[in-house]
Amino acid sequence: MLQDHYPEQQAKVEYKCTKWTHPKYESHWSTEAHITRWNEFTSSRVVELIHSSLADRFSKHASISDAAHQALLAYHGKHYKDRKNDKQKYLPRRPPGTLQCVMADPYLEQNEQLKEMAMTIQVMHQKLEDSQLELTEVRQDYEEALEEIDE
């Protein structure tokens, strides 16, 4: 998706997935998305950003999806100045140096269809973030409960 939204960046994504196993606990996955770009000076790819899945997940696919989503939010935030006047301006983004996602205000949008889509994206994104936070909390509670059982 980064290549579709930012072809000029020549970004590549490499996922580093780790499966965590323990004889007494359920196995789970964590993933890091390593975003690289071409460096003309060194004639090689360099790591630009690393993003992690927010919560450990029971499936590799879900963990990769989470890390990819975090990378896309950060990339939109990093390049927002270049995109604030095109069709991507209403996509959620995380500005550099922040943990909170933001979105452009669609209420002044003249195109009613685009306005409705942007408002829908806002609601869906907020629900996704709420679910991810809840998942992280449930996962932590689960780990704590398993530790208590072992004691």
C-alpha atoms as a PDB file:
ATOM      1  CA  MET A   1       0.000   0.000   0.000  1.00  0.00           C
ATOM      2  CA  LEU A   2       2.897   2.382   0.682  1.00  0.00           C
ATOM      3  CA  GLN A   3       4.076   1.898  -2.885  1.00  0.00           C
ATOM      4  CA  ASP A   4       0.586   2.798  -4.144  1.00  0.00           C
ATOM      5  CA  HIS A   5       0.288   5.954  -2.036  1.00  0.00           C
ATOM      6  CA  TYR A   6       3.931   7.091  -2.183  1.00  0.00           C
ATOM      7  CA  PRO A   7       5.556   5.786  -5.387  1.00  0.00           C
ATOM      8  CA  GLU A   8       8.097   8.642  -5.433  1.00  0.00           C
ATOM      9  CA  GLN A   9       9.517   7.480  -2.084  1.00  0.00           C
ATOM     10  CA  GLN A  10      10.569   4.084  -3.506  1.00  0.00           C
ATOM     11  CA  ALA A  11       9.637   2.598  -0.149  1.00  0.00           C
ATOM     12  CA  LYS A  12       9.907  -1.116   0.481  1.00  0.00           C
ATOM     13  CA  VAL A  13       8.477  -3.002   3.415  1.00  0.00           C
ATOM     14  CA  GLU A  14      10.022  -5.979   5.148  1.00  0.00           C
ATOM     15  CA  TYR A  15       8.117  -7.706   7.934  1.00  0.00           C
ATOM     16  CA  LYS A  16      10.044  -9.296  10.764  1.00  0.00           C
ATOM     17  CA  CYS A  17       7.708 -11.683  12.551  1.00  0.00           C
ATOM     18  CA  THR A  18       8.416 -13.447  15.813  1.00  0.00           C
ATOM     19  CA  LYS A  19       6.408 -16.373  17.083  1.00  0.00           C
ATOM     20  CA  TRP A  20       6.488 -16.565  20.860  1.00  0.00           C
ATOM     21  CA  THR A  21       5.987 -20.001  22.345  1.00  0.00           C
ATOM     22  CA  HIS A  22       5.944 -21.356  25.864  1.00  0.00           C
ATOM     23  CA  PRO A  23       4.892 -24.799  27.069  1.00  0.00           C
ATOM     24  CA  LYS A  24       2.304 -23.344  29.464  1.00  0.00           C
ATOM     25  CA  TYR A  25       1.014 -20.396  27.403  1.00  0.00           C
ATOM     26  CA  GLU A  26      -0.763 -19.887  24.117  1.00  0.00           C
ATOM     27  CA  SER A  27       1.621 -19.077  21.254  1.00  0.00           C
ATOM     28  CA  HIS A  28       1.399 -15.570  19.831  1.00  0.00           C
ATOM     29  CA  TRP A  29       2.999 -13.347  17.205  1.00  0.00           C
ATOM     30  CA  SER A  30       4.594  -9.911  17.202  1.00  0.00           C
ATOM     31  CA  THR A  31       5.673  -8.110  14.038  1.00  0.00           C
ATOM     32  CA  GLU A  32       7.848  -5.194  13.061  1.00  0.00           C
ATOM     33  CA  ALA A  33       7.419  -3.482   9.690  1.00  0.00           C
ATOM     34  CA  HIS A  34      10.790  -2.170   8.499  1.00  0.00           C
ATOM     35  CA  ILE A  35      10.336   0.593   5.916  1.00  0.00           C
ATOM     36  CA  THR A  36      13.378   1.159   3.713  1.00  0.00           C
ATOM     37  CA  ARG A  37      14.069   3.726   1.032  1.00  0.00           C
ATOM     38  CA  TRP A  38      16.744   4.037  -1.635  1.00  0.00           C
ATOM     39  CA  ASN A  39      19.763   6.128  -0.674  1.00  0.00           C
ATOM     40  CA  GLU A  40      21.420   7.638  -3.748  1.00  0.00           C
ATOM     41  CA  PHE A  41      24.609   8.503  -1.854  1.00  0.00           C
ATOM     42  CA  THR A  42      25.297   4.944  -0.656  1.00  0.00           C
ATOM     43  CA  SER A  43      23.523   3.210  -3.570  1.00  0.00           C
ATOM     44  CA  SER A  44      21.718   1.010  -1.099  1.00  0.00           C
ATOM     45  CA  ARG A  45      18.490   0.723   0.843  1.00  0.00           C
ATOM     46  CA  VAL A  46      18.415   2.253   4.323  1.00  0.00           C
ATOM     47  CA  VAL A  47      15.903   1.728   7.106  1.00  0.00           C
ATOM     48  CA  GLU A  48      13.743   4.820   7.392  1.00  0.00           C
ATOM     49  CA  LEU A  49      11.122   3.681   9.906  1.00  0.00           C
ATOM     50  CA  ILE A  50      10.280   0.654  12.058  1.00  0.00           C
ATOM     51  CA  HIS A  51       6.729   0.077  13.272  1.00  0.00           C
ATOM     52  CA  SER A  52       5.396  -2.653  15.524  1.00  0.00           C
ATOM     53  CA  SER A  53       2.059  -4.340  15.961  1.00  0.00           C
ATOM     54  CA  LEU A  54       0.318  -2.762  18.958  1.00  0.00           C
ATOM     55  CA  ALA A  55      -0.619  -6.031  20.588  1.00  0.00           C
ATOM     56  CA  ASP A  56       0.654  -9.565  20.316  1.00  0.00           C
ATOM     57  CA  ARG A  57      -1.731 -11.541  18.137  1.00  0.00           C
ATOM     58  CA  PHE A  58      -2.610 -15.203  17.899  1.00  0.00           C
ATOM     59  CA  SER A  59      -2.136 -15.240  14.112  1.00  0.00           C
ATOM     60  CA  LYS A  60       0.815 -14.107  12.023  1.00  0.00           C
ATOM     61  CA  HIS A  61      -1.485 -12.463   9.477  1.00  0.00           C
ATOM     62  CA  ALA A  62      -3.212 -10.311  12.112  1.00  0.00           C
ATOM     63  CA  SER A  63       0.149  -9.249  13.546  1.00  0.00           C
ATOM     64  CA  ILE A  64       1.458  -8.240  10.106  1.00  0.00           C
ATOM     65  CA  SER A  65      -1.738  -6.337   9.398  1.00  0.00           C
ATOM     66  CA  ASP A  66      -1.396  -4.385  12.664  1.00  0.00           C
ATOM     67  CA  ALA A  67       2.239  -3.434  11.971  1.00  0.00           C
ATOM     68  CA  ALA A  68       1.381  -2.414   8.396  1.00  0.00           C
ATOM     69  CA  HIS A  69      -1.445  -0.227   9.649  1.00  0.00           C
ATOM     70  CA  GLN A  70       0.862   1.517  12.132  1.00  0.00           C
ATOM     71  CA  ALA A  71       3.421   2.114   9.374  1.00  0.00           C
ATOM     72  CA  LEU A  72       0.799   3.596   7.055  1.00  0.00           C
ATOM     73  CA  LEU A  73      -0.489   5.961   9.759  1.00  0.00           C
ATOM     74  CA  ALA A  74       3.044   7.195  10.453  1.00  0.00           C
ATOM     75  CA  TYR A  75       3.880   7.547   6.759  1.00  0.00           C
ATOM     76  CA  HIS A  76       0.720   9.585   6.141  1.00  0.00           C
ATOM     77  CA  GLY A  77       1.694  11.792   9.072  1.00  0.00           C
ATOM     78  CA  LYS A  78       5.257  12.232   7.889  1.00  0.00           C
ATOM     79  CA  HIS A  79       4.236  13.192   4.340  1.00  0.00           C
ATOM     80  CA  TYR A  80       1.007  15.062   5.103  1.00  0.00           C
ATOM     81  CA  LYS A  81       2.309  18.456   3.933  1.00  0.00           C
ATOM     82  CA  ASP A  82       2.796  16.982   0.449  1.00  0.00           C
ATOM     83  CA  ARG A  83      -0.671  15.388   0.469  1.00  0.00           C
ATOM     84  CA  LYS A  84      -2.890  17.861   2.282  1.00  0.00           C
ATOM     85  CA  ASN A  85      -4.477  19.094  -0.955  1.00  0.00           C
ATOM     86  CA  ASP A  86      -5.102  15.764  -2.681  1.00  0.00           C
ATOM     87  CA  LYS A  87      -7.582  12.924  -2.245  1.00  0.00           C
ATOM     88  CA  GLN A  88      -5.595  11.424   0.657  1.00  0.00           C
ATOM     89  CA  LYS A  89      -5.974  14.419   2.961  1.00  0.00           C
ATOM     90  CA  TYR A  90      -8.801  12.737   4.902  1.00  0.00           C
ATOM     91  CA  LEU A  91      -6.919   9.544   5.664  1.00  0.00           C
ATOM     92  CA  PRO A  92      -5.949   9.066   9.326  1.00  0.00           C
ATOM     93  CA  ARG A  93      -2.369   9.971  10.133  1.00  0.00           C
ATOM     94  CA  ARG A  94       0.006  10.101  13.068  1.00  0.00           C
ATOM     95  CA  PRO A  95       2.134  13.261  12.990  1.00  0.00           C
ATOM     96  CA  PRO A  96       5.852  12.715  13.718  1.00  0.00           C
ATOM     97  CA  GLY A  97       6.672  12.612  17.413  1.00  0.00           C
ATOM     98  CA  THR A  98       3.099  11.908  18.533  1.00  0.00           C
ATOM     99  CA  LEU A  99       1.158   8.833  19.560  1.00  0.00           C
ATOM    100  CA  GLN A 100      -2.283  10.205  18.725  1.00  0.00           C
ATOM    101  CA  CYS A 101      -3.805   9.905  15.263  1.00  0.00           C
ATOM    102  CA  VAL A 102      -5.527  12.863  13.636  1.00  0.00           C
ATOM    103  CA  MET A 103      -7.590  13.465  10.510  1.00  0.00           C
ATOM    104  CA  ALA A 104      -8.393  16.542   8.455  1.00  0.00           C
ATOM    105  CA  ASP A 105     -11.819  18.012   9.194  1.00  0.00           C
ATOM    106  CA  PRO A 106     -14.188  16.986   6.373  1.00  0.00           C
ATOM    107  CA  TYR A 107     -17.058  19.275   7.371  1.00  0.00           C
ATOM    108  CA  LEU A 108     -15.985  22.044   5.000  1.00  0.00           C
ATOM    109  CA  GLU A 109     -15.543  19.642   2.070  1.00  0.00           C
ATOM    110  CA  GLN A 110     -17.620  20.726  -0.956  1.00  0.00           C
ATOM    111  CA  ASN A 111     -17.839  17.262  -2.494  1.00  0.00           C
ATOM    112  CA  GLU A 112     -20.680  15.610  -0.533  1.00  0.00           C
ATOM    113  CA  GLN A 113     -19.653  12.075  -1.475  1.00  0.00           C
ATOM    114  CA  LEU A 114     -16.064  12.659  -0.353  1.00  0.00           C
ATOM    115  CA  LYS A 115     -17.332  14.353   2.807  1.00  0.00           C
ATOM    116  CA  GLU A 116     -19.521  11.351   3.721  1.00  0.00           C
ATOM    117  CA  MET A 117     -16.699   8.905   3.012  1.00  0.00           C
ATOM    118  CA  ALA A 118     -14.257  10.920   5.133  1.00  0.00           C
ATOM    119  CA  MET A 119     -16.707  11.072   8.033  1.00  0.00           C
ATOM    120  CA  THR A 120     -17.244   7.309   7.776  1.00  0.00           C
ATOM    121  CA  ILE A 121     -13.482   6.724   7.761  1.00  0.00           C
ATOM    122  CA  GLN A 122     -13.175   8.836  10.916  1.00  0.00           C
ATOM    123  CA  VAL A 123     -15.743   6.751  12.763  1.00  0.00           C
ATOM    124  CA  MET A 124     -14.304   3.449  11.548  1.00  0.00           C
ATOM    125  CA  HIS A 125     -10.767   4.477  12.417  1.00  0.00           C
ATOM    126  CA  GLN A 126     -11.782   5.505  15.935  1.00  0.00           C
ATOM    127  CA  LYS A 127     -13.523   2.164  16.447  1.00  0.00           C
ATOM    128  CA  LEU A 128     -10.429   0.345  15.177  1.00  0.00           C
ATOM    129  CA  GLU A 129      -8.157   2.261  17.549  1.00  0.00           C
ATOM    130  CA  ASP A 130     -10.523   1.597  20.454  1.00  0.00           C
ATOM    131  CA  SER A 131     -10.543  -2.120  19.600  1.00  0.00           C
ATOM    132  CA  GLN A 132      -6.757  -2.242  19.370  1.00  0.00           C
ATOM    133  CA  LEU A 133      -6.396  -0.617  22.783  1.00  0.00           C
ATOM    134  CA  GLU A 134      -8.940  -3.006  24.246  1.00  0.00           C
ATOM    135  CA  LEU A 135      -7.128  -5.943  22.656  1.00  0.00           C
ATOM    136  CA  THR A 136      -3.851  -4.788  24.201  1.00  0.00           C
ATOM    137  CA  GLU A 137      -5.488  -4.569  27.636  1.00  0.00           C
ATOM    138  CA  VAL A 138      -7.144  -7.985  27.287  1.00  0.00           C
ATOM    139  CA  ARG A 139      -3.851  -9.497  26.171  1.00  0.00           C
ATOM    140  CA  GLN A 140      -2.081  -8.027  29.239  1.00  0.00           C
ATOM    141  CA  ASP A 141      -4.846  -9.289  31.561  1.00  0.00           C
ATOM    142  CA  TYR A 142      -4.579 -12.713  29.933  1.00  0.00           C
ATOM    143  CA  GLU A 143      -0.811 -12.851  30.519  1.00  0.00           C
ATOM    144  CA  GLU A 144      -1.230 -11.744  34.144  1.00  0.00           C
ATOM    145  CA  ALA A 145      -3.912 -14.381  34.738  1.00  0.00           C
ATOM    146  CA  LEU A 146      -1.657 -17.091  33.325  1.00  0.00           C
ATOM    147  CA  GLU A 147       1.169 -15.974  35.595  1.00  0.00           C
ATOM    148  CA  GLU A 148      -1.144 -16.170  38.635  1.00  0.00           C
ATOM    149  CA  ILE A 149      -2.232 -19.676  37.648  1.00  0.00           C
ATOM    150  CA  ASP A 150       1.419 -20.766  37.455  1.00  0.00           C
ATOM    151  CA  GLU A 151       2.155 -19.506  40.968  1.00  0.00           C
END
